[in-house]
Amino acid sequence: MNTANLLERIRGEAIAVVGDLMLDRFVWGKVSRISPEAPVPVVEVERESYHLGGAANVARNLASLGVTPLLLGVVGDDEASQQLRTALRERGLSDHAVLDDRSRRTTVKTRIIAGSQQVVRADWESVDDLDAGMESRSLDALTTIIERARALVLSDYAKGTLTPRIIDRALELAKARGIPILVDPKLRRYRLYKGVTLVTPNLYEAERFAGLAVHTNEDIAVAARSILDELGCTAVLITRGEHGMTLFETRQSPLHIPTLAREVFDVSGAGDTVIAAAALALAAGSTLPEAAELANRAAGVVVGKLGTATVEPSELID
């Protein structure tokens, strides 16, 4: 696989990204003492930063690699939604299909980092399904973006954006166009993603989907076959942290891909990078093994960066 040629071939093409939008807030500081009030570190805050998270981070990763993401999701009518929109625009990403819902709050994940160590994370979120009116607006927008897309990514963080109706309609539209469908699922709705091209669970999620404990490569294979059989999907790519990834296809031997990460500083958002890189490759006409190899390279780059990060074309090529 020639990565430079692949990136050039797909440059400017559109990929639809539908799912839960988040704002990742990082509070950076240092620790020099323990609180006298409780046995916890006192973080002396030095700065804050905001990054796109969830489906928005998938879109951000696609854009950094030269693809045009068509992003659909729902945010609240609050300060965090304005920060998220600002972050999208600063990166040249459209918020045309980012819909406001006054009944919800924008999902915010706040990570407090001391040195290079995450001390604690605090989440603000709504997890109920969209109401009927917002669901209807989302369905209308869904039709528009999938008509233009070369692939579809469903980024499901179980925050209520991907309702059963939206999932069903997204799969129907994408299958009618014959484009690849990639899903980063959570347990809550995972059984609704039948007949997709690729699902990308991590090891913990694969255990929960299959309902068994995973300790060996044989256990992983059993879990993957269970997911393949239940969903009728084309392939499962299980991300395994420091052990890399394993790709399982129907009637193919597993493909074990060792990690390329030299140092791991932060895994925040790494799954978003994996599915973005895989979607880009499949949209460009690559095989599933080639897509998995590219996703592994991309993951090896971003885990070596602090915070929710992206990978640049030059980094992938190197």
C-alpha atoms as a PDB file:
ATOM      1  CA  MET A   1       0.000   0.000   0.000  1.00  0.00           C
ATOM      2  CA  ASN A   2       1.440   3.346  -1.072  1.00  0.00           C
ATOM      3  CA  THR A   3       0.164   5.732   1.584  1.00  0.00           C
ATOM      4  CA  ALA A   4       1.054   8.901  -0.323  1.00  0.00           C
ATOM      5  CA  ASN A   5      -0.866   7.741  -3.396  1.00  0.00           C
ATOM      6  CA  LEU A   6      -3.825   6.667  -1.293  1.00  0.00           C
ATOM      7  CA  LEU A   7      -4.062  10.041   0.444  1.00  0.00           C
ATOM      8  CA  GLU A   8      -3.780  11.861  -2.867  1.00  0.00           C
ATOM      9  CA  ARG A   9      -6.469   9.652  -4.424  1.00  0.00           C
ATOM     10  CA  ILE A  10      -9.013  10.427  -1.705  1.00  0.00           C
ATOM     11  CA  ARG A  11      -8.106  14.097  -1.146  1.00  0.00           C
ATOM     12  CA  GLY A  12     -11.166  16.345  -1.092  1.00  0.00           C
ATOM     13  CA  GLU A  13     -13.674  13.483  -1.212  1.00  0.00           C
ATOM     14  CA  ALA A  14     -16.545  13.458   1.305  1.00  0.00           C
ATOM     15  CA  ILE A  15     -17.088  10.998   4.160  1.00  0.00           C
ATOM     16  CA  ALA A  16     -20.237  11.218   6.304  1.00  0.00           C
ATOM     17  CA  VAL A  17     -19.739  11.124  10.083  1.00  0.00           C
ATOM     18  CA  VAL A  18     -22.853  10.709  12.218  1.00  0.00           C
ATOM     19  CA  GLY A  19     -22.906  10.356  15.971  1.00  0.00           C
ATOM     20  CA  ASP A  20     -22.344  11.819  19.404  1.00  0.00           C
ATOM     21  CA  LEU A  21     -20.541  15.149  19.440  1.00  0.00           C
ATOM     22  CA  MET A  22     -18.340  16.064  22.384  1.00  0.00           C
ATOM     23  CA  LEU A  23     -16.076  18.790  23.607  1.00  0.00           C
ATOM     24  CA  ASP A  24     -12.868  17.572  25.226  1.00  0.00           C
ATOM     25  CA  ARG A  25     -11.590  20.077  27.792  1.00  0.00           C
ATOM     26  CA  PHE A  26      -8.065  19.684  29.128  1.00  0.00           C
ATOM     27  CA  VAL A  27      -6.888  21.428  32.273  1.00  0.00           C
ATOM     28  CA  TRP A  28      -3.086  21.393  32.417  1.00  0.00           C
ATOM     29  CA  GLY A  29      -1.032  21.953  35.540  1.00  0.00           C
ATOM     30  CA  LYS A  30       1.457  20.549  38.001  1.00  0.00           C
ATOM     31  CA  VAL A  31       1.271  18.826  41.375  1.00  0.00           C
ATOM     32  CA  SER A  32       3.595  19.700  44.237  1.00  0.00           C
ATOM     33  CA  ARG A  33       1.482  18.888  47.285  1.00  0.00           C
ATOM     34  CA  ILE A  34      -1.414  16.851  48.672  1.00  0.00           C
ATOM     35  CA  SER A  35      -4.605  18.555  49.799  1.00  0.00           C
ATOM     36  CA  PRO A  36      -4.973  18.912  53.592  1.00  0.00           C
ATOM     37  CA  GLU A  37      -8.728  18.352  53.125  1.00  0.00           C
ATOM     38  CA  ALA A  38      -8.486  14.893  51.550  1.00  0.00           C
ATOM     39  CA  PRO A  39      -5.753  12.526  50.302  1.00  0.00           C
ATOM     40  CA  VAL A  40      -5.840  13.943  46.773  1.00  0.00           C
ATOM     41  CA  PRO A  41      -3.271  15.934  44.760  1.00  0.00           C
ATOM     42  CA  VAL A  42      -3.660  19.680  44.397  1.00  0.00           C
ATOM     43  CA  VAL A  43      -3.240  20.614  40.745  1.00  0.00           C
ATOM     44  CA  GLU A  44      -1.846  24.098  40.199  1.00  0.00           C
ATOM     45  CA  VAL A  45      -3.591  25.032  36.941  1.00  0.00           C
ATOM     46  CA  GLU A  46      -1.402  26.590  34.264  1.00  0.00           C
ATOM     47  CA  ARG A  47      -3.625  26.541  31.177  1.00  0.00           C
ATOM     48  CA  GLU A  48      -6.722  25.074  29.546  1.00  0.00           C
ATOM     49  CA  SER A  49      -7.344  23.786  26.051  1.00  0.00           C
ATOM     50  CA  TYR A  50     -10.384  22.585  24.128  1.00  0.00           C
ATOM     51  CA  HIS A  51     -10.532  19.880  21.484  1.00  0.00           C
ATOM     52  CA  LEU A  52     -13.201  18.212  19.393  1.00  0.00           C
ATOM     53  CA  GLY A  53     -14.309  14.863  20.783  1.00  0.00           C
ATOM     54  CA  GLY A  54     -16.443  11.893  19.783  1.00  0.00           C
ATOM     55  CA  ALA A  55     -17.848  12.107  16.258  1.00  0.00           C
ATOM     56  CA  ALA A  56     -16.382  15.607  15.976  1.00  0.00           C
ATOM     57  CA  ASN A  57     -12.913  14.160  16.577  1.00  0.00           C
ATOM     58  CA  VAL A  58     -13.485  11.579  13.834  1.00  0.00           C
ATOM     59  CA  ALA A  59     -14.312  14.481  11.516  1.00  0.00           C
ATOM     60  CA  ARG A  60     -11.237  16.378  12.705  1.00  0.00           C
ATOM     61  CA  ASN A  61      -9.015  13.370  11.939  1.00  0.00           C
ATOM     62  CA  LEU A  62     -10.496  12.992   8.467  1.00  0.00           C
ATOM     63  CA  ALA A  63      -9.980  16.672   7.730  1.00  0.00           C
ATOM     64  CA  SER A  64      -6.344  16.534   8.871  1.00  0.00           C
ATOM     65  CA  LEU A  65      -5.797  13.795   6.281  1.00  0.00           C
ATOM     66  CA  GLY A  66      -7.323  15.838   3.461  1.00  0.00           C
ATOM     67  CA  VAL A  67     -10.859  14.423   3.397  1.00  0.00           C
ATOM     68  CA  THR A  68     -14.031  16.522   3.601  1.00  0.00           C
ATOM     69  CA  PRO A  69     -16.088  15.279   6.577  1.00  0.00           C
ATOM     70  CA  LEU A  70     -19.856  15.742   6.468  1.00  0.00           C
ATOM     71  CA  LEU A  71     -20.656  15.883  10.173  1.00  0.00           C
ATOM     72  CA  LEU A  72     -24.099  15.308  11.684  1.00  0.00           C
ATOM     73  CA  GLY A  73     -24.811  15.478  15.404  1.00  0.00           C
ATOM     74  CA  VAL A  74     -26.693  17.283  18.148  1.00  0.00           C
ATOM     75  CA  VAL A  75     -25.487  19.708  20.800  1.00  0.00           C
ATOM     76  CA  GLY A  76     -27.162  21.687  23.548  1.00  0.00           C
ATOM     77  CA  ASP A  77     -27.869  25.405  23.510  1.00  0.00           C
ATOM     78  CA  ASP A  78     -25.066  26.298  25.905  1.00  0.00           C
ATOM     79  CA  GLU A  79     -21.551  27.695  26.166  1.00  0.00           C
ATOM     80  CA  ALA A  80     -19.973  24.343  25.372  1.00  0.00           C
ATOM     81  CA  SER A  81     -21.868  24.118  22.079  1.00  0.00           C
ATOM     82  CA  GLN A  82     -20.492  27.507  21.070  1.00  0.00           C
ATOM     83  CA  GLN A  83     -16.975  26.374  21.946  1.00  0.00           C
ATOM     84  CA  LEU A  84     -17.492  23.211  19.913  1.00  0.00           C
ATOM     85  CA  ARG A  85     -18.743  25.181  16.901  1.00  0.00           C
ATOM     86  CA  THR A  86     -15.826  27.577  17.193  1.00  0.00           C
ATOM     87  CA  ALA A  87     -13.403  24.653  17.278  1.00  0.00           C
ATOM     88  CA  LEU A  88     -15.027  23.207  14.140  1.00  0.00           C
ATOM     89  CA  ARG A  89     -14.792  26.483  12.244  1.00  0.00           C
ATOM     90  CA  GLU A  90     -11.209  27.102  13.311  1.00  0.00           C
ATOM     91  CA  ARG A  91     -10.311  23.804  11.652  1.00  0.00           C
ATOM     92  CA  GLY A  92     -12.285  24.571   8.501  1.00  0.00           C
ATOM     93  CA  LEU A  93     -15.050  22.101   9.331  1.00  0.00           C
ATOM     94  CA  SER A  94     -18.685  22.800   8.543  1.00  0.00           C
ATOM     95  CA  ASP A  95     -21.241  22.885  11.370  1.00  0.00           C
ATOM     96  CA  HIS A  96     -24.151  23.060   8.938  1.00  0.00           C
ATOM     97  CA  ALA A  97     -25.592  19.734  10.160  1.00  0.00           C
ATOM     98  CA  VAL A  98     -24.749  20.303  13.826  1.00  0.00           C
ATOM     99  CA  LEU A  99     -28.191  20.755  15.348  1.00  0.00           C
ATOM    100  CA  ASP A 100     -29.089  22.652  18.541  1.00  0.00           C
ATOM    101  CA  ASP A 101     -31.410  21.069  21.099  1.00  0.00           C
ATOM    102  CA  ARG A 102     -32.337  23.278  24.041  1.00  0.00           C
ATOM    103  CA  SER A 103     -33.536  20.291  26.045  1.00  0.00           C
ATOM    104  CA  ARG A 104     -30.048  18.727  26.118  1.00  0.00           C
ATOM    105  CA  ARG A 105     -26.621  19.685  27.330  1.00  0.00           C
ATOM    106  CA  THR A 106     -23.534  19.417  25.192  1.00  0.00           C
ATOM    107  CA  THR A 107     -21.330  16.525  26.253  1.00  0.00           C
ATOM    108  CA  VAL A 108     -18.126  17.815  27.839  1.00  0.00           C
ATOM    109  CA  LYS A 109     -15.307  15.600  29.111  1.00  0.00           C
ATOM    110  CA  THR A 110     -12.893  17.495  31.337  1.00  0.00           C
ATOM    111  CA  ARG A 111      -9.517  15.863  31.900  1.00  0.00           C
ATOM    112  CA  ILE A 112      -7.143  17.298  34.478  1.00  0.00           C
ATOM    113  CA  ILE A 113      -3.534  16.619  33.531  1.00  0.00           C
ATOM    114  CA  ALA A 114      -0.587  17.039  35.886  1.00  0.00           C
ATOM    115  CA  GLY A 115       2.670  16.816  33.958  1.00  0.00           C
ATOM    116  CA  SER A 116       1.898  13.995  31.534  1.00  0.00           C
ATOM    117  CA  GLN A 117      -0.456  12.108  33.866  1.00  0.00           C
ATOM    118  CA  GLN A 118      -4.251  12.311  33.834  1.00  0.00           C
ATOM    119  CA  VAL A 119      -5.376  12.884  37.425  1.00  0.00           C
ATOM    120  CA  VAL A 120      -9.159  12.761  37.026  1.00  0.00           C
ATOM    121  CA  ARG A 121     -11.910  13.149  34.448  1.00  0.00           C
ATOM    122  CA  ALA A 122     -15.290  14.833  34.953  1.00  0.00           C
ATOM    123  CA  ASP A 123     -18.173  14.431  32.464  1.00  0.00           C
ATOM    124  CA  TRP A 124     -21.222  16.597  31.765  1.00  0.00           C
ATOM    125  CA  GLU A 125     -23.673  14.941  29.395  1.00  0.00           C
ATOM    126  CA  SER A 126     -27.177  13.999  28.296  1.00  0.00           C
ATOM    127  CA  VAL A 127     -27.703  10.323  27.450  1.00  0.00           C
ATOM    128  CA  ASP A 128     -31.429  10.139  26.673  1.00  0.00           C
ATOM    129  CA  ASP A 129     -32.470   9.497  23.070  1.00  0.00           C
ATOM    130  CA  LEU A 130     -33.341  12.486  20.925  1.00  0.00           C
ATOM    131  CA  ASP A 131     -36.978  13.504  21.120  1.00  0.00           C
ATOM    132  CA  ALA A 132     -39.246  13.024  18.091  1.00  0.00           C
ATOM    133  CA  GLY A 133     -38.766  16.524  16.733  1.00  0.00           C
ATOM    134  CA  MET A 134     -34.976  16.476  16.895  1.00  0.00           C
ATOM    135  CA  GLU A 135     -34.916  12.941  15.528  1.00  0.00           C
ATOM    136  CA  SER A 136     -36.962  14.087  12.524  1.00  0.00           C
ATOM    137  CA  ARG A 137     -34.563  16.974  11.859  1.00  0.00           C
ATOM    138  CA  SER A 138     -31.625  14.587  12.078  1.00  0.00           C
ATOM    139  CA  LEU A 139     -33.234  12.171   9.625  1.00  0.00           C
ATOM    140  CA  ASP A 140     -33.710  14.984   7.108  1.00  0.00           C
ATOM    141  CA  ALA A 141     -30.056  16.021   7.415  1.00  0.00           C
ATOM    142  CA  LEU A 142     -28.930  12.393   7.196  1.00  0.00           C
ATOM    143  CA  THR A 143     -30.378  11.965   3.718  1.00  0.00           C
ATOM    144  CA  THR A 144     -28.567  15.048   2.455  1.00  0.00           C
ATOM    145  CA  ILE A 145     -25.098  14.119   3.690  1.00  0.00           C
ATOM    146  CA  ILE A 146     -25.107  10.428   2.745  1.00  0.00           C
ATOM    147  CA  GLU A 147     -26.040  11.326  -0.834  1.00  0.00           C
ATOM    148  CA  ARG A 148     -22.636  13.025  -1.149  1.00  0.00           C
ATOM    149  CA  ALA A 149     -20.462  10.594   0.805  1.00  0.00           C
ATOM    150  CA  ARG A 150     -17.918   7.975  -0.264  1.00  0.00           C
ATOM    151  CA  ALA A 151     -18.203   6.213   3.115  1.00  0.00           C
ATOM    152  CA  LEU A 152     -20.251   6.431   6.311  1.00  0.00           C
ATOM    153  CA  VAL A 153     -18.916   6.429   9.876  1.00  0.00           C
ATOM    154  CA  LEU A 154     -21.314   5.945  12.792  1.00  0.00           C
ATOM    155  CA  SER A 155     -19.627   7.108  16.008  1.00  0.00           C
ATOM    156  CA  ASP A 156     -21.735   5.765  18.862  1.00  0.00           C
ATOM    157  CA  TYR A 157     -20.797   6.873  22.366  1.00  0.00           C
ATOM    158  CA  ALA A 158     -24.251   5.978  23.763  1.00  0.00           C
ATOM    159  CA  LYS A 159     -25.258   9.628  24.282  1.00  0.00           C
ATOM    160  CA  GLY A 160     -28.584   9.333  22.451  1.00  0.00           C
ATOM    161  CA  THR A 161     -27.858  10.768  18.991  1.00  0.00           C
ATOM    162  CA  LEU A 162     -27.905   7.413  17.213  1.00  0.00           C
ATOM    163  CA  THR A 163     -31.483   6.324  17.898  1.00  0.00           C
ATOM    164  CA  PRO A 164     -32.825   3.086  16.383  1.00  0.00           C
ATOM    165  CA  ARG A 165     -34.626   5.054  13.646  1.00  0.00           C
ATOM    166  CA  ILE A 166     -31.518   7.033  12.739  1.00  0.00           C
ATOM    167  CA  ILE A 167     -29.369   3.893  12.684  1.00  0.00           C
ATOM    168  CA  ASP A 168     -31.864   2.036  10.486  1.00  0.00           C
ATOM    169  CA  ARG A 169     -32.172   4.938   8.039  1.00  0.00           C
ATOM    170  CA  ALA A 170     -28.421   5.530   7.890  1.00  0.00           C
ATOM    171  CA  LEU A 171     -27.765   1.874   7.086  1.00  0.00           C
ATOM    172  CA  GLU A 172     -30.558   1.828   4.498  1.00  0.00           C
ATOM    173  CA  LEU A 173     -29.241   4.909   2.687  1.00  0.00           C
ATOM    174  CA  ALA A 174     -25.605   3.812   2.743  1.00  0.00           C
ATOM    175  CA  LYS A 175     -26.358   0.273   1.590  1.00  0.00           C
ATOM    176  CA  ALA A 176     -28.478   1.630  -1.257  1.00  0.00           C
ATOM    177  CA  ARG A 177     -25.458   3.637  -2.426  1.00  0.00           C
ATOM    178  CA  GLY A 178     -23.044   0.742  -1.900  1.00  0.00           C
ATOM    179  CA  ILE A 179     -20.622   2.725   0.233  1.00  0.00           C
ATOM    180  CA  PRO A 180     -18.584   1.292   3.139  1.00  0.00           C
ATOM    181  CA  ILE A 181     -20.207   1.573   6.579  1.00  0.00           C
ATOM    182  CA  LEU A 182     -17.931   1.712   9.625  1.00  0.00           C
ATOM    183  CA  VAL A 183     -19.187   1.654  13.207  1.00  0.00           C
ATOM    184  CA  ASP A 184     -17.527   2.388  16.522  1.00  0.00           C
ATOM    185  CA  PRO A 185     -20.293   0.892  18.703  1.00  0.00           C
ATOM    186  CA  LYS A 186     -21.232   0.760  22.354  1.00  0.00           C
ATOM    187  CA  LEU A 187     -23.102  -2.156  23.910  1.00  0.00           C
ATOM    188  CA  ARG A 188     -26.395  -0.260  24.206  1.00  0.00           C
ATOM    189  CA  ARG A 189     -27.197  -0.466  20.458  1.00  0.00           C
ATOM    190  CA  TYR A 190     -24.559  -2.716  19.040  1.00  0.00           C
ATOM    191  CA  ARG A 191     -27.009  -5.355  17.781  1.00  0.00           C
ATOM    192  CA  LEU A 192     -28.693  -2.785  15.501  1.00  0.00           C
ATOM    193  CA  TYR A 193     -25.600  -2.485  13.305  1.00  0.00           C
ATOM    194  CA  LYS A 194     -26.357  -5.476  11.146  1.00  0.00           C
ATOM    195  CA  GLY A 195     -24.740  -5.888   7.756  1.00  0.00           C
ATOM    196  CA  VAL A 196     -22.166  -3.108   8.119  1.00  0.00           C
ATOM    197  CA  THR A 197     -18.707  -3.256   6.580  1.00  0.00           C
ATOM    198  CA  LEU A 198     -16.535  -2.892   9.681  1.00  0.00           C
ATOM    199  CA  VAL A 199     -17.003  -2.554  13.444  1.00  0.00           C
ATOM    200  CA  THR A 200     -14.089  -1.358  15.585  1.00  0.00           C
ATOM    201  CA  PRO A 201     -14.533  -2.362  19.246  1.00  0.00           C
ATOM    202  CA  ASN A 202     -11.709  -2.312  21.730  1.00  0.00           C
ATOM    203  CA  LEU A 203     -10.899  -5.467  23.660  1.00  0.00           C
ATOM    204  CA  TYR A 204     -13.164  -4.613  26.600  1.00  0.00           C
ATOM    205  CA  GLU A 205     -16.091  -3.861  24.291  1.00  0.00           C
ATOM    206  CA  ALA A 206     -15.553  -7.083  22.341  1.00  0.00           C
ATOM    207  CA  GLU A 207     -15.754  -9.016  25.602  1.00  0.00           C
ATOM    208  CA  ARG A 208     -19.059  -7.374  26.475  1.00  0.00           C
ATOM    209  CA  PHE A 209     -20.522  -7.823  23.000  1.00  0.00           C
ATOM    210  CA  ALA A 210     -19.660 -11.522  22.938  1.00  0.00           C
ATOM    211  CA  GLY A 211     -20.475 -12.097  26.608  1.00  0.00           C
ATOM    212  CA  LEU A 212     -17.230 -13.868  27.465  1.00  0.00           C
ATOM    213  CA  ALA A 213     -13.888 -13.193  29.114  1.00  0.00           C
ATOM    214  CA  VAL A 214     -10.954 -12.729  26.746  1.00  0.00           C
ATOM    215  CA  HIS A 215      -7.471 -13.796  27.861  1.00  0.00           C
ATOM    216  CA  THR A 216      -5.820 -15.407  24.834  1.00  0.00           C
ATOM    217  CA  ASN A 217      -5.711 -15.012  21.059  1.00  0.00           C
ATOM    218  CA  GLU A 218      -8.089 -17.960  20.840  1.00  0.00           C
ATOM    219  CA  ASP A 219     -10.551 -16.165  23.121  1.00  0.00           C
ATOM    220  CA  ILE A 220     -10.333 -13.064  20.932  1.00  0.00           C
ATOM    221  CA  ALA A 221     -11.065 -15.155  17.858  1.00  0.00           C
ATOM    222  CA  VAL A 222     -14.129 -16.678  19.515  1.00  0.00           C
ATOM    223  CA  ALA A 223     -15.409 -13.221  20.490  1.00  0.00           C
ATOM    224  CA  ALA A 224     -14.822 -11.855  16.994  1.00  0.00           C
ATOM    225  CA  ARG A 225     -16.599 -14.788  15.333  1.00  0.00           C
ATOM    226  CA  SER A 226     -19.535 -14.250  17.665  1.00  0.00           C
ATOM    227  CA  ILE A 227     -19.753 -10.594  16.596  1.00  0.00           C
ATOM    228  CA  LEU A 228     -19.384 -11.499  12.911  1.00  0.00           C
ATOM    229  CA  ASP A 229     -22.142 -14.090  13.151  1.00  0.00           C
ATOM    230  CA  GLU A 230     -24.538 -11.929  15.154  1.00  0.00           C
ATOM    231  CA  LEU A 231     -24.157  -8.773  13.063  1.00  0.00           C
ATOM    232  CA  GLY A 232     -23.544 -10.367   9.691  1.00  0.00           C
ATOM    233  CA  CYS A 233     -20.887  -7.718   9.144  1.00  0.00           C
ATOM    234  CA  THR A 234     -17.971  -8.054   6.751  1.00  0.00           C
ATOM    235  CA  ALA A 235     -15.205  -7.598   9.316  1.00  0.00           C
ATOM    236  CA  VAL A 236     -14.333  -6.814  12.929  1.00  0.00           C
ATOM    237  CA  LEU A 237     -11.224  -4.841  13.857  1.00  0.00           C
ATOM    238  CA  ILE A 238     -10.451  -5.286  17.566  1.00  0.00           C
ATOM    239  CA  THR A 239      -8.056  -2.721  18.998  1.00  0.00           C
ATOM    240  CA  ARG A 240      -5.831  -4.247  21.687  1.00  0.00           C
ATOM    241  CA  GLY A 241      -3.789  -1.412  23.174  1.00  0.00           C
ATOM    242  CA  GLU A 242      -0.091  -2.260  23.416  1.00  0.00           C
ATOM    243  CA  HIS A 243      -0.784  -5.525  21.556  1.00  0.00           C
ATOM    244  CA  GLY A 244      -1.874  -3.711  18.403  1.00  0.00           C
ATOM    245  CA  MET A 245      -4.991  -4.771  16.510  1.00  0.00           C
ATOM    246  CA  THR A 246      -6.508  -7.902  15.052  1.00  0.00           C
ATOM    247  CA  LEU A 247      -8.673  -7.952  11.940  1.00  0.00           C
ATOM    248  CA  PHE A 248     -11.250 -10.735  11.554  1.00  0.00           C
ATOM    249  CA  GLU A 249     -13.013 -11.284   8.234  1.00  0.00           C
ATOM    250  CA  THR A 250     -15.542 -13.936   7.308  1.00  0.00           C
ATOM    251  CA  ARG A 251     -13.774 -17.010   5.925  1.00  0.00           C
ATOM    252  CA  GLN A 252     -10.303 -15.454   6.401  1.00  0.00           C
ATOM    253  CA  SER A 253      -7.538 -16.124   8.901  1.00  0.00           C
ATOM    254  CA  PRO A 254      -7.137 -13.429  11.568  1.00  0.00           C
ATOM    255  CA  LEU A 255      -4.649 -10.682  10.749  1.00  0.00           C
ATOM    256  CA  HIS A 256      -2.630  -9.693  13.821  1.00  0.00           C
ATOM    257  CA  ILE A 257      -1.048  -6.245  13.468  1.00  0.00           C
ATOM    258  CA  PRO A 258       1.546  -5.297  16.106  1.00  0.00           C
ATOM    259  CA  THR A 259       1.455  -1.774  17.472  1.00  0.00           C
ATOM    260  CA  LEU A 260       3.740   0.807  15.888  1.00  0.00           C
ATOM    261  CA  ALA A 261       3.588   3.177  18.863  1.00  0.00           C
ATOM    262  CA  ARG A 262       7.078   4.003  20.141  1.00  0.00           C
ATOM    263  CA  GLU A 263       5.812   5.707  23.300  1.00  0.00           C
ATOM    264  CA  VAL A 264       2.279   5.940  24.674  1.00  0.00           C
ATOM    265  CA  PHE A 265       1.451   9.246  26.323  1.00  0.00           C
ATOM    266  CA  ASP A 266      -2.335   9.432  25.952  1.00  0.00           C
ATOM    267  CA  VAL A 267      -4.939   7.116  24.392  1.00  0.00           C
ATOM    268  CA  SER A 268      -7.703   9.772  24.467  1.00  0.00           C
ATOM    269  CA  GLY A 269      -9.483   9.728  21.110  1.00  0.00           C
ATOM    270  CA  ALA A 270      -7.326   6.968  19.622  1.00  0.00           C
ATOM    271  CA  GLY A 271     -10.431   4.990  18.617  1.00  0.00           C
ATOM    272  CA  ASP A 272     -11.660   8.017  16.655  1.00  0.00           C
ATOM    273  CA  THR A 273      -8.370   8.090  14.757  1.00  0.00           C
ATOM    274  CA  VAL A 274      -8.588   4.357  14.031  1.00  0.00           C
ATOM    275  CA  ILE A 275     -12.037   4.523  12.470  1.00  0.00           C
ATOM    276  CA  ALA A 276     -11.238   7.728  10.566  1.00  0.00           C
ATOM    277  CA  ALA A 277      -8.152   6.207   8.955  1.00  0.00           C
ATOM    278  CA  ALA A 278      -9.969   2.963   8.139  1.00  0.00           C
ATOM    279  CA  ALA A 279     -12.881   4.873   6.581  1.00  0.00           C
ATOM    280  CA  LEU A 280     -10.514   6.949   4.476  1.00  0.00           C
ATOM    281  CA  ALA A 281      -8.777   3.827   3.174  1.00  0.00           C
ATOM    282  CA  LEU A 282     -11.994   1.962   2.349  1.00  0.00           C
ATOM    283  CA  ALA A 283     -13.458   5.042   0.659  1.00  0.00           C
ATOM    284  CA  ALA A 284     -10.339   5.146  -1.511  1.00  0.00           C
ATOM    285  CA  GLY A 285     -10.864   1.531  -2.579  1.00  0.00           C
ATOM    286  CA  SER A 286      -8.362  -0.194  -0.282  1.00  0.00           C
ATOM    287  CA  THR A 287      -8.860  -3.719   1.001  1.00  0.00           C
ATOM    288  CA  LEU A 288      -9.824  -4.356   4.613  1.00  0.00           C
ATOM    289  CA  PRO A 289      -6.294  -5.524   5.563  1.00  0.00           C
ATOM    290  CA  GLU A 290      -4.864  -2.349   4.001  1.00  0.00           C
ATOM    291  CA  ALA A 291      -7.408  -0.241   5.890  1.00  0.00           C
ATOM    292  CA  ALA A 292      -6.484  -1.963   9.149  1.00  0.00           C
ATOM    293  CA  GLU A 293      -2.762  -1.402   8.523  1.00  0.00           C
ATOM    294  CA  LEU A 294      -3.357   2.309   7.880  1.00  0.00           C
ATOM    295  CA  ALA A 295      -5.523   2.598  11.004  1.00  0.00           C
ATOM    296  CA  ASN A 296      -2.767   0.964  13.053  1.00  0.00           C
ATOM    297  CA  ARG A 297      -0.186   3.418  11.746  1.00  0.00           C
ATOM    298  CA  ALA A 298      -2.449   6.355  12.553  1.00  0.00           C
ATOM    299  CA  ALA A 299      -3.102   5.069  16.073  1.00  0.00           C
ATOM    300  CA  GLY A 300       0.624   4.627  16.641  1.00  0.00           C
ATOM    301  CA  VAL A 301       1.115   8.320  15.940  1.00  0.00           C
ATOM    302  CA  VAL A 302      -1.704   9.800  18.039  1.00  0.00           C
ATOM    303  CA  VAL A 303      -1.063   7.822  21.217  1.00  0.00           C
ATOM    304  CA  GLY A 304       2.370   9.416  21.290  1.00  0.00           C
ATOM    305  CA  LYS A 305       0.780  12.852  21.698  1.00  0.00           C
ATOM    306  CA  LEU A 306      -0.838  14.386  24.745  1.00  0.00           C
ATOM    307  CA  GLY A 307      -4.528  15.259  24.558  1.00  0.00           C
ATOM    308  CA  THR A 308      -7.093  14.397  21.892  1.00  0.00           C
ATOM    309  CA  ALA A 309      -4.837  14.488  18.839  1.00  0.00           C
ATOM    310  CA  THR A 310      -4.862  13.941  15.086  1.00  0.00           C
ATOM    311  CA  VAL A 311      -2.400  12.505  12.601  1.00  0.00           C
ATOM    312  CA  GLU A 312      -0.991  14.481   9.680  1.00  0.00           C
ATOM    313  CA  PRO A 313      -0.356  13.019   6.200  1.00  0.00           C
ATOM    314  CA  SER A 314       3.414  13.450   6.578  1.00  0.00           C
ATOM    315  CA  GLU A 315       3.339  11.486   9.842  1.00  0.00           C
ATOM    316  CA  LEU A 316       1.473   8.596   8.221  1.00  0.00           C
ATOM    317  CA  ILE A 317       3.843   8.542   5.269  1.00  0.00           C
ATOM    318  CA  ASP A 318       6.905   8.616   7.538  1.00  0.00           C
END
